[in-house]
């Protein structure tokens, strides 16, 4: 995490909240935000995320097989189904509802 924080700091991102080894947020001066959710991988490629409330959230290895693009650059990401699943277990705010609608419209992965 220190290397990630340093690299993003060099791009103008500053700490907004949270902190490793739990999730944390970074934001730049224009308001762009990056949410970081560190996970620990096992030998099979599955992982566990430690939540703020002390619980854990499992991610199956297949959930990390997604691809996307940021500013035209191909990046690895969670699959649409894994992204939709990440919105379970808590009260959704307007941003979460927007994200789920977008996943559903683009990939059929959100709520119907």
PDB file of N, CA and C in Angstrom:
ATOM      1  N   UNK A   1       0.803  -1.196   0.000  1.00  0.00           N
ATOM      2  CA  UNK A   1       0.000   0.000   0.000  1.00  0.00           C
ATOM      3  C   UNK A   1       0.854   1.273   0.000  1.00  0.00           C
ATOM      4  N   UNK A   2       1.997   1.285   0.691  1.00  0.00           N
ATOM      5  CA  UNK A   2       2.799   2.516   0.661  1.00  0.00           C
ATOM      6  C   UNK A   2       3.203   2.937  -0.754  1.00  0.00           C
ATOM      7  N   UNK A   3       3.563   1.979  -1.618  1.00  0.00           N
ATOM      8  CA  UNK A   3       3.962   2.323  -2.991  1.00  0.00           C
ATOM      9  C   UNK A   3       2.775   2.890  -3.770  1.00  0.00           C
ATOM     10  N   UNK A   4       1.595   2.315  -3.581  1.00  0.00           N
ATOM     11  CA  UNK A   4       0.397   2.819  -4.249  1.00  0.00           C
ATOM     12  C   UNK A   4       0.078   4.239  -3.793  1.00  0.00           C
ATOM     13  N   UNK A   5       0.109   4.450  -2.480  1.00  0.00           N
ATOM     14  CA  UNK A   5      -0.192   5.776  -1.933  1.00  0.00           C
ATOM     15  C   UNK A   5       0.824   6.813  -2.434  1.00  0.00           C
ATOM     16  N   UNK A   6       2.098   6.417  -2.478  1.00  0.00           N
ATOM     17  CA  UNK A   6       3.133   7.340  -2.965  1.00  0.00           C
ATOM     18  C   UNK A   6       2.937   7.654  -4.448  1.00  0.00           C
ATOM     19  N   UNK A   7       2.634   6.630  -5.252  1.00  0.00           N
ATOM     20  CA  UNK A   7       2.440   6.853  -6.689  1.00  0.00           C
ATOM     21  C   UNK A   7       1.247   7.762  -6.942  1.00  0.00           C
ATOM     22  N   UNK A   8       0.148   7.517  -6.245  1.00  0.00           N
ATOM     23  CA  UNK A   8      -1.031   8.368  -6.435  1.00  0.00           C
ATOM     24  C   UNK A   8      -0.811   9.760  -5.857  1.00  0.00           C
ATOM     25  N   UNK A   9      -0.033   9.846  -4.782  1.00  0.00           N
ATOM     26  CA  UNK A   9       0.315  11.156  -4.235  1.00  0.00           C
ATOM     27  C   UNK A   9       1.089  11.982  -5.247  1.00  0.00           C
ATOM     28  N   UNK A  10       1.943  11.325  -6.018  1.00  0.00           N
ATOM     29  CA  UNK A  10       2.691  12.011  -7.060  1.00  0.00           C
ATOM     30  C   UNK A  10       1.810  12.525  -8.193  1.00  0.00           C
ATOM     31  N   UNK A  11       0.594  11.965  -8.276  1.00  0.00           N
ATOM     32  CA  UNK A  11      -0.369  12.414  -9.287  1.00  0.00           C
ATOM     33  C   UNK A  11      -1.380  13.405  -8.714  1.00  0.00           C
ATOM     34  N   UNK A  12      -1.125  13.846  -7.467  1.00  0.00           N
ATOM     35  CA  UNK A  12      -1.979  14.862  -6.871  1.00  0.00           C
ATOM     36  C   UNK A  12      -3.095  14.344  -5.983  1.00  0.00           C
ATOM     37  N   UNK A  13      -3.107  13.044  -5.700  1.00  0.00           N
ATOM     38  CA  UNK A  13      -4.142  12.500  -4.815  1.00  0.00           C
ATOM     39  C   UNK A  13      -3.695  12.611  -3.365  1.00  0.00           C
ATOM     40  N   UNK A  14      -4.664  12.946  -2.500  1.00  0.00           N
ATOM     41  CA  UNK A  14      -4.379  13.043  -1.065  1.00  0.00           C
ATOM     42  C   UNK A  14      -5.360  12.155  -0.306  1.00  0.00           C
ATOM     43  N   UNK A  15      -4.983  11.821   0.907  1.00  0.00           N
ATOM     44  CA  UNK A  15      -5.793  10.950   1.755  1.00  0.00           C
ATOM     45  C   UNK A  15      -7.119  11.621   2.094  1.00  0.00           C
ATOM     46  N   UNK A  16      -8.216  10.883   1.959  1.00  0.00           N
ATOM     47  CA  UNK A  16      -9.539  11.401   2.293  1.00  0.00           C
ATOM     48  C   UNK A  16     -10.091  10.730   3.543  1.00  0.00           C
ATOM     49  N   UNK A  17      -9.930   9.411   3.666  1.00  0.00           N
ATOM     50  CA  UNK A  17     -10.442   8.703   4.829  1.00  0.00           C
ATOM     51  C   UNK A  17     -10.019   7.253   4.824  1.00  0.00           C
ATOM     52  N   UNK A  18     -10.177   6.612   5.990  1.00  0.00           N
ATOM     53  CA  UNK A  18      -9.804   5.209   6.135  1.00  0.00           C
ATOM     54  C   UNK A  18      -8.301   5.042   6.161  1.00  0.00           C
ATOM     55  N   UNK A  19      -7.849   3.806   6.054  1.00  0.00           N
ATOM     56  CA  UNK A  19      -6.419   3.543   6.037  1.00  0.00           C
ATOM     57  C   UNK A  19      -6.113   2.068   5.998  1.00  0.00           C
ATOM     58  N   UNK A  20      -4.978   1.724   5.381  1.00  0.00           N
ATOM     59  CA  UNK A  20      -4.572   0.328   5.311  1.00  0.00           C
ATOM     60  C   UNK A  20      -4.391  -0.256   6.718  1.00  0.00           C
ATOM     61  N   UNK A  21      -4.671  -1.523   6.916  1.00  0.00           N
ATOM     62  CA  UNK A  21      -4.970  -2.545   5.915  1.00  0.00           C
ATOM     63  C   UNK A  21      -6.443  -2.598   5.514  1.00  0.00           C
ATOM     64  N   UNK A  22      -7.260  -1.695   6.038  1.00  0.00           N
ATOM     65  CA  UNK A  22      -8.669  -1.641   5.655  1.00  0.00           C
ATOM     66  C   UNK A  22      -8.819  -0.711   4.454  1.00  0.00           C
ATOM     67  N   UNK A  23     -10.039  -0.524   3.990  1.00  0.00           N
ATOM     68  CA  UNK A  23     -10.263   0.333   2.826  1.00  0.00           C
ATOM     69  C   UNK A  23      -9.915   1.787   3.150  1.00  0.00           C
ATOM     70  N   UNK A  24      -9.580   2.519   2.107  1.00  0.00           N
ATOM     71  CA  UNK A  24      -9.295   3.942   2.268  1.00  0.00           C
ATOM     72  C   UNK A  24      -9.579   4.655   0.957  1.00  0.00           C
ATOM     73  N   UNK A  25      -9.707   5.975   1.046  1.00  0.00           N
ATOM     74  CA  UNK A  25     -10.041   6.789  -0.105  1.00  0.00           C
ATOM     75  C   UNK A  25      -8.992   7.869  -0.314  1.00  0.00           C
ATOM     76  N   UNK A  26      -8.740   8.143  -1.582  1.00  0.00           N
ATOM     77  CA  UNK A  26      -7.851   9.219  -1.987  1.00  0.00           C
ATOM     78  C   UNK A  26      -8.631  10.108  -2.951  1.00  0.00           C
ATOM     79  N   UNK A  27      -8.344  11.400  -2.942  1.00  0.00           N
ATOM     80  CA  UNK A  27      -9.051  12.338  -3.812  1.00  0.00           C
ATOM     81  C   UNK A  27      -8.052  13.354  -4.360  1.00  0.00           C
ATOM     82  N   UNK A  28      -8.319  13.814  -5.601  1.00  0.00           N
ATOM     83  CA  UNK A  28      -7.448  14.859  -6.150  1.00  0.00           C
ATOM     84  C   UNK A  28      -8.153  16.208  -6.067  1.00  0.00           C
ATOM     85  N   UNK A  29      -7.493  17.267  -6.518  1.00  0.00           N
ATOM     86  CA  UNK A  29      -8.036  18.616  -6.351  1.00  0.00           C
ATOM     87  C   UNK A  29      -9.285  18.866  -7.189  1.00  0.00           C
ATOM     88  N   UNK A  30      -9.547  18.032  -8.204  1.00  0.00           N
ATOM     89  CA  UNK A  30     -10.754  18.197  -9.010  1.00  0.00           C
ATOM     90  C   UNK A  30     -11.927  17.373  -8.467  1.00  0.00           C
ATOM     91  N   UNK A  31     -11.664  16.578  -7.407  1.00  0.00           N
ATOM     92  CA  UNK A  31     -12.726  15.781  -6.804  1.00  0.00           C
ATOM     93  C   UNK A  31     -12.775  14.341  -7.270  1.00  0.00           C
ATOM     94  N   UNK A  32     -11.876  13.945  -8.181  1.00  0.00           N
ATOM     95  CA  UNK A  32     -11.836  12.542  -8.584  1.00  0.00           C
ATOM     96  C   UNK A  32     -11.389  11.711  -7.392  1.00  0.00           C
ATOM     97  N   UNK A  33     -12.094  10.623  -7.144  1.00  0.00           N
ATOM     98  CA  UNK A  33     -11.843   9.819  -5.951  1.00  0.00           C
ATOM     99  C   UNK A  33     -11.481   8.387  -6.327  1.00  0.00           C
ATOM    100  N   UNK A  34     -10.532   7.843  -5.608  1.00  0.00           N
ATOM    101  CA  UNK A  34     -10.142   6.443  -5.744  1.00  0.00           C
ATOM    102  C   UNK A  34     -10.390   5.765  -4.407  1.00  0.00           C
ATOM    103  N   UNK A  35     -11.209   4.712  -4.425  1.00  0.00           N
ATOM    104  CA  UNK A  35     -11.456   3.901  -3.238  1.00  0.00           C
ATOM    105  C   UNK A  35     -10.593   2.654  -3.355  1.00  0.00           C
ATOM    106  N   UNK A  36      -9.779   2.392  -2.352  1.00  0.00           N
ATOM    107  CA  UNK A  36      -8.882   1.239  -2.358  1.00  0.00           C
ATOM    108  C   UNK A  36      -9.399   0.228  -1.338  1.00  0.00           C
ATOM    109  N   UNK A  37      -9.572  -1.008  -1.793  1.00  0.00           N
ATOM    110  CA  UNK A  37     -10.057  -2.094  -0.939  1.00  0.00           C
ATOM    111  C   UNK A  37      -9.030  -3.219  -0.979  1.00  0.00           C
ATOM    112  N   UNK A  38      -8.029  -3.193  -0.083  1.00  0.00           N
ATOM    113  CA  UNK A  38      -6.982  -4.220  -0.106  1.00  0.00           C
ATOM    114  C   UNK A  38      -7.547  -5.605   0.190  1.00  0.00           C
ATOM    115  N   UNK A  39      -7.024  -6.597  -0.514  1.00  0.00           N
ATOM    116  CA  UNK A  39      -7.415  -7.983  -0.294  1.00  0.00           C
ATOM    117  C   UNK A  39      -6.162  -8.826  -0.103  1.00  0.00           C
ATOM    118  N   UNK A  40      -6.347  -9.996   0.512  1.00  0.00           N
ATOM    119  CA  UNK A  40      -5.268 -10.963   0.677  1.00  0.00           C
ATOM    120  C   UNK A  40      -5.647 -12.198  -0.142  1.00  0.00           C
ATOM    121  N   UNK A  41      -4.764 -12.593  -1.059  1.00  0.00           N
ATOM    122  CA  UNK A  41      -5.018 -13.725  -1.945  1.00  0.00           C
ATOM    123  C   UNK A  41      -4.496 -15.026  -1.338  1.00  0.00           C
ATOM    124  N   UNK A  42      -5.216 -16.125  -1.617  1.00  0.00           N
ATOM    125  CA  UNK A  42      -4.718 -17.443  -1.242  1.00  0.00           C
ATOM    126  C   UNK A  42      -4.093 -18.102  -2.474  1.00  0.00           C
ATOM    127  N   UNK A  43      -3.616 -19.324  -2.322  1.00  0.00           N
ATOM    128  CA  UNK A  43      -2.934 -20.010  -3.420  1.00  0.00           C
ATOM    129  C   UNK A  43      -3.842 -20.277  -4.621  1.00  0.00           C
ATOM    130  N   UNK A  44      -5.155 -20.354  -4.403  1.00  0.00           N
ATOM    131  CA  UNK A  44      -6.101 -20.622  -5.489  1.00  0.00           C
ATOM    132  C   UNK A  44      -6.513 -19.337  -6.221  1.00  0.00           C
ATOM    133  N   UNK A  45      -6.071 -18.178  -5.737  1.00  0.00           N
ATOM    134  CA  UNK A  45      -6.433 -16.917  -6.366  1.00  0.00           C
ATOM    135  C   UNK A  45      -7.672 -16.271  -5.780  1.00  0.00           C
ATOM    136  N   UNK A  46      -8.333 -16.962  -4.831  1.00  0.00           N
ATOM    137  CA  UNK A  46      -9.453 -16.349  -4.122  1.00  0.00           C
ATOM    138  C   UNK A  46      -8.875 -15.351  -3.126  1.00  0.00           C
ATOM    139  N   UNK A  47      -9.717 -14.433  -2.650  1.00  0.00           N
ATOM    140  CA  UNK A  47      -9.184 -13.450  -1.705  1.00  0.00           C
ATOM    141  C   UNK A  47     -10.211 -13.098  -0.651  1.00  0.00           C
ATOM    142  N   UNK A  48      -9.710 -12.490   0.402  1.00  0.00           N
ATOM    143  CA  UNK A  48     -10.532 -12.013   1.512  1.00  0.00           C
ATOM    144  C   UNK A  48     -10.260 -10.531   1.708  1.00  0.00           C
ATOM    145  N   UNK A  49     -11.330  -9.780   1.849  1.00  0.00           N
ATOM    146  CA  UNK A  49     -11.263  -8.351   2.142  1.00  0.00           C
ATOM    147  C   UNK A  49     -11.736  -8.154   3.572  1.00  0.00           C
ATOM    148  N   UNK A  50     -10.968  -7.437   4.375  1.00  0.00           N
ATOM    149  CA  UNK A  50     -11.370  -7.109   5.750  1.00  0.00           C
ATOM    150  C   UNK A  50     -12.192  -5.838   5.739  1.00  0.00           C
ATOM    151  N   UNK A  51     -13.415  -5.947   6.276  1.00  0.00           N
ATOM    152  CA  UNK A  51     -14.323  -4.798   6.295  1.00  0.00           C
ATOM    153  C   UNK A  51     -14.126  -3.969   7.559  1.00  0.00           C
ATOM    154  N   UNK A  52     -14.611  -2.734   7.502  1.00  0.00           N
ATOM    155  CA  UNK A  52     -14.479  -1.796   8.622  1.00  0.00           C
ATOM    156  C   UNK A  52     -15.124  -2.329   9.900  1.00  0.00           C
ATOM    157  N   UNK A  53     -16.207  -3.119   9.755  1.00  0.00           N
ATOM    158  CA  UNK A  53     -16.915  -3.625  10.936  1.00  0.00           C
ATOM    159  C   UNK A  53     -16.270  -4.870  11.531  1.00  0.00           C
ATOM    160  N   UNK A  54     -15.126  -5.306  10.984  1.00  0.00           N
ATOM    161  CA  UNK A  54     -14.422  -6.476  11.492  1.00  0.00           C
ATOM    162  C   UNK A  54     -14.762  -7.761  10.755  1.00  0.00           C
ATOM    163  N   UNK A  55     -15.808  -7.727   9.942  1.00  0.00           N
ATOM    164  CA  UNK A  55     -16.168  -8.897   9.150  1.00  0.00           C
ATOM    165  C   UNK A  55     -15.254  -9.049   7.949  1.00  0.00           C
ATOM    166  N   UNK A  56     -15.467 -10.115   7.213  1.00  0.00           N
ATOM    167  CA  UNK A  56     -14.696 -10.346   5.999  1.00  0.00           C
ATOM    168  C   UNK A  56     -15.636 -10.550   4.822  1.00  0.00           C
ATOM    169  N   UNK A  57     -15.130 -10.278   3.635  1.00  0.00           N
ATOM    170  CA  UNK A  57     -15.890 -10.425   2.402  1.00  0.00           C
ATOM    171  C   UNK A  57     -15.030 -11.252   1.445  1.00  0.00           C
ATOM    172  N   UNK A  58     -15.557 -12.423   1.005  1.00  0.00           N
ATOM    173  CA  UNK A  58     -14.765 -13.248   0.082  1.00  0.00           C
ATOM    174  C   UNK A  58     -14.934 -12.810  -1.368  1.00  0.00           C
ATOM    175  N   UNK A  59     -13.858 -12.834  -2.106  1.00  0.00           N
ATOM    176  CA  UNK A  59     -13.883 -12.588  -3.544  1.00  0.00           C
ATOM    177  C   UNK A  59     -13.373 -13.855  -4.237  1.00  0.00           C
ATOM    178  N   UNK A  60     -14.194 -14.483  -5.085  1.00  0.00           N
ATOM    179  CA  UNK A  60     -13.693 -15.637  -5.834  1.00  0.00           C
ATOM    180  C   UNK A  60     -12.692 -15.199  -6.896  1.00  0.00           C
ATOM    181  N   UNK A  61     -11.754 -16.054  -7.209  1.00  0.00           N
ATOM    182  CA  UNK A  61     -10.719 -15.727  -8.194  1.00  0.00           C
ATOM    183  C   UNK A  61     -11.322 -15.253  -9.511  1.00  0.00           C
ATOM    184  N   UNK A  62     -12.418 -15.874  -9.951  1.00  0.00           N
ATOM    185  CA  UNK A  62     -13.045 -15.508 -11.220  1.00  0.00           C
ATOM    186  C   UNK A  62     -13.518 -14.058 -11.231  1.00  0.00           C
ATOM    187  N   UNK A  63     -13.785 -13.489 -10.066  1.00  0.00           N
ATOM    188  CA  UNK A  63     -14.225 -12.100  -9.989  1.00  0.00           C
ATOM    189  C   UNK A  63     -13.160 -11.101 -10.395  1.00  0.00           C
ATOM    190  N   UNK A  64     -11.896 -11.535 -10.457  1.00  0.00           N
ATOM    191  CA  UNK A  64     -10.790 -10.641 -10.817  1.00  0.00           C
ATOM    192  C   UNK A  64     -10.415 -10.740 -12.295  1.00  0.00           C
ATOM    193  N   UNK A  65     -11.260 -11.378 -13.094  1.00  0.00           N
ATOM    194  CA  UNK A  65     -10.951 -11.586 -14.503  1.00  0.00           C
ATOM    195  C   UNK A  65     -11.524 -10.507 -15.411  1.00  0.00           C
ATOM    196  N   UNK A  66     -12.021  -9.422 -14.842  1.00  0.00           N
ATOM    197  CA  UNK A  66     -12.592  -8.345 -15.640  1.00  0.00           C
ATOM    198  C   UNK A  66     -11.535  -7.478 -16.292  1.00  0.00           C
ATOM    199  N   UNK A  67     -11.944  -6.792 -17.337  1.00  0.00           N
ATOM    200  CA  UNK A  67     -11.088  -5.796 -17.979  1.00  0.00           C
ATOM    201  C   UNK A  67     -11.932  -4.570 -18.276  1.00  0.00           C
ATOM    202  N   UNK A  68     -11.282  -3.455 -18.327  1.00  0.00           N
ATOM    203  CA  UNK A  68     -11.958  -2.208 -18.636  1.00  0.00           C
ATOM    204  C   UNK A  68     -10.952  -1.244 -19.230  1.00  0.00           C
ATOM    205  N   UNK A  69     -11.346  -0.003 -19.341  1.00  0.00           N
ATOM    206  CA  UNK A  69     -10.451   1.010 -19.881  1.00  0.00           C
ATOM    207  C   UNK A  69     -10.576   2.279 -19.054  1.00  0.00           C
ATOM    208  N   UNK A  70      -9.442   2.893 -18.774  1.00  0.00           N
ATOM    209  CA  UNK A  70      -9.382   4.180 -18.099  1.00  0.00           C
ATOM    210  C   UNK A  70      -8.559   5.095 -18.999  1.00  0.00           C
ATOM    211  N   UNK A  71      -9.197   6.154 -19.464  1.00  0.00           N
ATOM    212  CA  UNK A  71      -8.536   7.106 -20.375  1.00  0.00           C
ATOM    213  C   UNK A  71      -7.910   6.380 -21.564  1.00  0.00           C
ATOM    214  N   UNK A  72      -8.628   5.364 -22.083  1.00  0.00           N
ATOM    215  CA  UNK A  72      -8.160   4.628 -23.243  1.00  0.00           C
ATOM    216  C   UNK A  72      -7.130   3.556 -22.956  1.00  0.00           C
ATOM    217  N   UNK A  73      -6.758   3.391 -21.711  1.00  0.00           N
ATOM    218  CA  UNK A  73      -5.753   2.384 -21.342  1.00  0.00           C
ATOM    219  C   UNK A  73      -6.450   1.162 -20.767  1.00  0.00           C
ATOM    220  N   UNK A  74      -6.141  -0.033 -21.275  1.00  0.00           N
ATOM    221  CA  UNK A  74      -6.722  -1.273 -20.809  1.00  0.00           C
ATOM    222  C   UNK A  74      -6.246  -1.560 -19.384  1.00  0.00           C
ATOM    223  N   UNK A  75      -7.192  -1.860 -18.493  1.00  0.00           N
ATOM    224  CA  UNK A  75      -6.860  -2.156 -17.099  1.00  0.00           C
ATOM    225  C   UNK A  75      -7.608  -3.409 -16.646  1.00  0.00           C
ATOM    226  N   UNK A  76      -7.058  -4.083 -15.661  1.00  0.00           N
ATOM    227  CA  UNK A  76      -7.738  -5.200 -15.028  1.00  0.00           C
ATOM    228  C   UNK A  76      -8.668  -4.645 -13.958  1.00  0.00           C
ATOM    229  N   UNK A  77      -9.811  -5.316 -13.784  1.00  0.00           N
ATOM    230  CA  UNK A  77     -10.762  -4.890 -12.777  1.00  0.00           C
ATOM    231  C   UNK A  77     -11.653  -6.067 -12.408  1.00  0.00           C
ATOM    232  N   UNK A  78     -12.540  -5.835 -11.479  1.00  0.00           N
ATOM    233  CA  UNK A  78     -13.523  -6.858 -11.136  1.00  0.00           C
ATOM    234  C   UNK A  78     -14.480  -7.042 -12.305  1.00  0.00           C
ATOM    235  N   UNK A  79     -15.011  -8.249 -12.450  1.00  0.00           N
ATOM    236  CA  UNK A  79     -16.030  -8.495 -13.468  1.00  0.00           C
ATOM    237  C   UNK A  79     -17.290  -7.718 -13.103  1.00  0.00           C
ATOM    238  N   UNK A  80     -18.168  -7.466 -14.070  1.00  0.00           N
ATOM    239  CA  UNK A  80     -19.424  -6.767 -13.758  1.00  0.00           C
ATOM    240  C   UNK A  80     -20.231  -7.476 -12.665  1.00  0.00           C
ATOM    241  N   UNK A  81     -20.302  -8.813 -12.707  1.00  0.00           N
ATOM    242  CA  UNK A  81     -21.052  -9.535 -11.673  1.00  0.00           C
ATOM    243  C   UNK A  81     -20.431  -9.334 -10.292  1.00  0.00           C
ATOM    244  N   UNK A  82     -19.097  -9.367 -10.211  1.00  0.00           N
ATOM    245  CA  UNK A  82     -18.434  -9.147  -8.925  1.00  0.00           C
ATOM    246  C   UNK A  82     -18.653  -7.718  -8.441  1.00  0.00           C
ATOM    247  N   UNK A  83     -18.640  -6.752  -9.364  1.00  0.00           N
ATOM    248  CA  UNK A  83     -18.896  -5.363  -8.982  1.00  0.00           C
ATOM    249  C   UNK A  83     -20.311  -5.201  -8.428  1.00  0.00           C
ATOM    250  N   UNK A  84     -21.281  -5.848  -9.066  1.00  0.00           N
ATOM    251  CA  UNK A  84     -22.663  -5.770  -8.590  1.00  0.00           C
ATOM    252  C   UNK A  84     -22.777  -6.419  -7.207  1.00  0.00           C
ATOM    253  N   UNK A  85     -22.131  -7.552  -7.017  1.00  0.00           N
ATOM    254  CA  UNK A  85     -22.173  -8.253  -5.733  1.00  0.00           C
ATOM    255  C   UNK A  85     -21.594  -7.396  -4.604  1.00  0.00           C
ATOM    256  N   UNK A  86     -20.623  -6.568  -4.925  1.00  0.00           N
ATOM    257  CA  UNK A  86     -19.992  -5.703  -3.915  1.00  0.00           C
ATOM    258  C   UNK A  86     -20.955  -4.657  -3.356  1.00  0.00           C
ATOM    259  N   UNK A  87     -22.098  -4.494  -3.987  1.00  0.00           N
ATOM    260  CA  UNK A  87     -23.090  -3.530  -3.507  1.00  0.00           C
ATOM    261  C   UNK A  87     -24.146  -4.186  -2.622  1.00  0.00           C
ATOM    262  N   UNK A  88     -23.851  -5.358  -2.101  1.00  0.00           N
ATOM    263  CA  UNK A  88     -24.793  -6.063  -1.222  1.00  0.00           C
ATOM    264  C   UNK A  88     -24.390  -5.855   0.231  1.00  0.00           C
ATOM    265  N   UNK A  89     -25.368  -5.938   1.126  1.00  0.00           N
ATOM    266  CA  UNK A  89     -25.075  -5.945   2.552  1.00  0.00           C
ATOM    267  C   UNK A  89     -25.020  -4.589   3.225  1.00  0.00           C
ATOM    268  N   UNK A  90     -25.363  -3.523   2.512  1.00  0.00           N
ATOM    269  CA  UNK A  90     -25.386  -2.206   3.146  1.00  0.00           C
ATOM    270  C   UNK A  90     -26.426  -1.341   2.437  1.00  0.00           C
ATOM    271  N   UNK A  91     -26.781  -0.244   3.084  1.00  0.00           N
ATOM    272  CA  UNK A  91     -27.759   0.663   2.492  1.00  0.00           C
ATOM    273  C   UNK A  91     -27.110   1.436   1.347  1.00  0.00           C
ATOM    274  N   UNK A  92     -27.751   1.399   0.195  1.00  0.00           N
ATOM    275  CA  UNK A  92     -27.188   2.026  -1.000  1.00  0.00           C
ATOM    276  C   UNK A  92     -27.487   3.519  -1.037  1.00  0.00           C
ATOM    277  N   UNK A  93     -26.450   4.321  -1.323  1.00  0.00           N
ATOM    278  CA  UNK A  93     -26.676   5.751  -1.513  1.00  0.00           C
ATOM    279  C   UNK A  93     -26.917   6.014  -3.005  1.00  0.00           C
ATOM    280  N   UNK A  94     -27.077   7.269  -3.370  1.00  0.00           N
ATOM    281  CA  UNK A  94     -27.368   7.614  -4.758  1.00  0.00           C
ATOM    282  C   UNK A  94     -26.260   7.161  -5.708  1.00  0.00           C
ATOM    283  N   UNK A  95     -24.993   7.290  -5.281  1.00  0.00           N
ATOM    284  CA  UNK A  95     -23.882   6.854  -6.124  1.00  0.00           C
ATOM    285  C   UNK A  95     -23.934   5.349  -6.358  1.00  0.00           C
ATOM    286  N   UNK A  96     -24.217   4.581  -5.303  1.00  0.00           N
ATOM    287  CA  UNK A  96     -24.306   3.124  -5.437  1.00  0.00           C
ATOM    288  C   UNK A  96     -25.427   2.736  -6.394  1.00  0.00           C
ATOM    289  N   UNK A  97     -26.577   3.385  -6.247  1.00  0.00           N
ATOM    290  CA  UNK A  97     -27.709   3.078  -7.122  1.00  0.00           C
ATOM    291  C   UNK A  97     -27.384   3.425  -8.576  1.00  0.00           C
ATOM    292  N   UNK A  98     -26.693   4.526  -8.777  1.00  0.00           N
ATOM    293  CA  UNK A  98     -26.255   4.904 -10.128  1.00  0.00           C
ATOM    294  C   UNK A  98     -25.325   3.836 -10.692  1.00  0.00           C
ATOM    295  N   UNK A  99     -24.358   3.389  -9.885  1.00  0.00           N
ATOM    296  CA  UNK A  99     -23.411   2.365 -10.338  1.00  0.00           C
ATOM    297  C   UNK A  99     -24.129   1.080 -10.733  1.00  0.00           C
ATOM    298  N   UNK A 100     -25.081   0.648  -9.913  1.00  0.00           N
ATOM    299  CA  UNK A 100     -25.814  -0.584 -10.216  1.00  0.00           C
ATOM    300  C   UNK A 100     -26.661  -0.452 -11.476  1.00  0.00           C
ATOM    301  N   UNK A 101     -27.289   0.700 -11.669  1.00  0.00           N
ATOM    302  CA  UNK A 101     -28.063   0.916 -12.902  1.00  0.00           C
ATOM    303  C   UNK A 101     -27.130   0.846 -14.121  1.00  0.00           C
ATOM    304  N   UNK A 102     -25.958   1.457 -14.010  1.00  0.00           N
ATOM    305  CA  UNK A 102     -25.000   1.437 -15.120  1.00  0.00           C
ATOM    306  C   UNK A 102     -24.524   0.016 -15.410  1.00  0.00           C
ATOM    307  N   UNK A 103     -24.252  -0.762 -14.368  1.00  0.00           N
ATOM    308  CA  UNK A 103     -23.847  -2.158 -14.566  1.00  0.00           C
ATOM    309  C   UNK A 103     -24.952  -2.954 -15.248  1.00  0.00           C
ATOM    310  N   UNK A 104     -26.185  -2.698 -14.841  1.00  0.00           N
ATOM    311  CA  UNK A 104     -27.321  -3.414 -15.426  1.00  0.00           C
ATOM    312  C   UNK A 104     -27.508  -3.015 -16.892  1.00  0.00           C
ATOM    313  N   UNK A 105     -27.465  -1.718 -17.173  1.00  0.00           N
ATOM    314  CA  UNK A 105     -27.680  -1.238 -18.546  1.00  0.00           C
ATOM    315  C   UNK A 105     -26.589  -1.718 -19.494  1.00  0.00           C
ATOM    316  N   UNK A 106     -25.340  -1.718 -19.027  1.00  0.00           N
ATOM    317  CA  UNK A 106     -24.214  -2.064 -19.895  1.00  0.00           C
ATOM    318  C   UNK A 106     -23.956  -3.564 -19.987  1.00  0.00           C
ATOM    319  N   UNK A 107     -24.130  -4.262 -18.832  1.00  0.00           N
ATOM    320  CA  UNK A 107     -23.724  -5.677 -18.794  1.00  0.00           C
ATOM    321  C   UNK A 107     -24.835  -6.630 -18.340  1.00  0.00           C
ATOM    322  N   UNK A 108     -25.968  -6.081 -17.906  1.00  0.00           N
ATOM    323  CA  UNK A 108     -27.019  -6.947 -17.355  1.00  0.00           C
ATOM    324  C   UNK A 108     -26.605  -7.543 -16.028  1.00  0.00           C
ATOM    325  N   UNK A 109     -25.728  -6.843 -15.289  1.00  0.00           N
ATOM    326  CA  UNK A 109     -25.167  -7.392 -14.054  1.00  0.00           C
ATOM    327  C   UNK A 109     -25.777  -6.809 -12.790  1.00  0.00           C
ATOM    328  N   UNK A 110     -26.549  -5.741 -12.898  1.00  0.00           N
ATOM    329  CA  UNK A 110     -27.139  -5.130 -11.714  1.00  0.00           C
ATOM    330  C   UNK A 110     -28.517  -5.675 -11.447  1.00  0.00           C
ATOM    331  N   UNK A 111     -29.254  -5.042 -10.554  1.00  0.00           N
ATOM    332  CA  UNK A 111     -30.616  -5.508 -10.280  1.00  0.00           C
ATOM    333  C   UNK A 111     -31.530  -5.235 -11.465  1.00  0.00           C
ATOM    334  N   UNK A 112     -32.495  -6.085 -11.655  1.00  0.00           N
ATOM    335  CA  UNK A 112     -33.433  -5.895 -12.770  1.00  0.00           C
ATOM    336  C   UNK A 112     -34.623  -5.083 -12.344  1.00  0.00           C
TER     337      UNK A 112
END
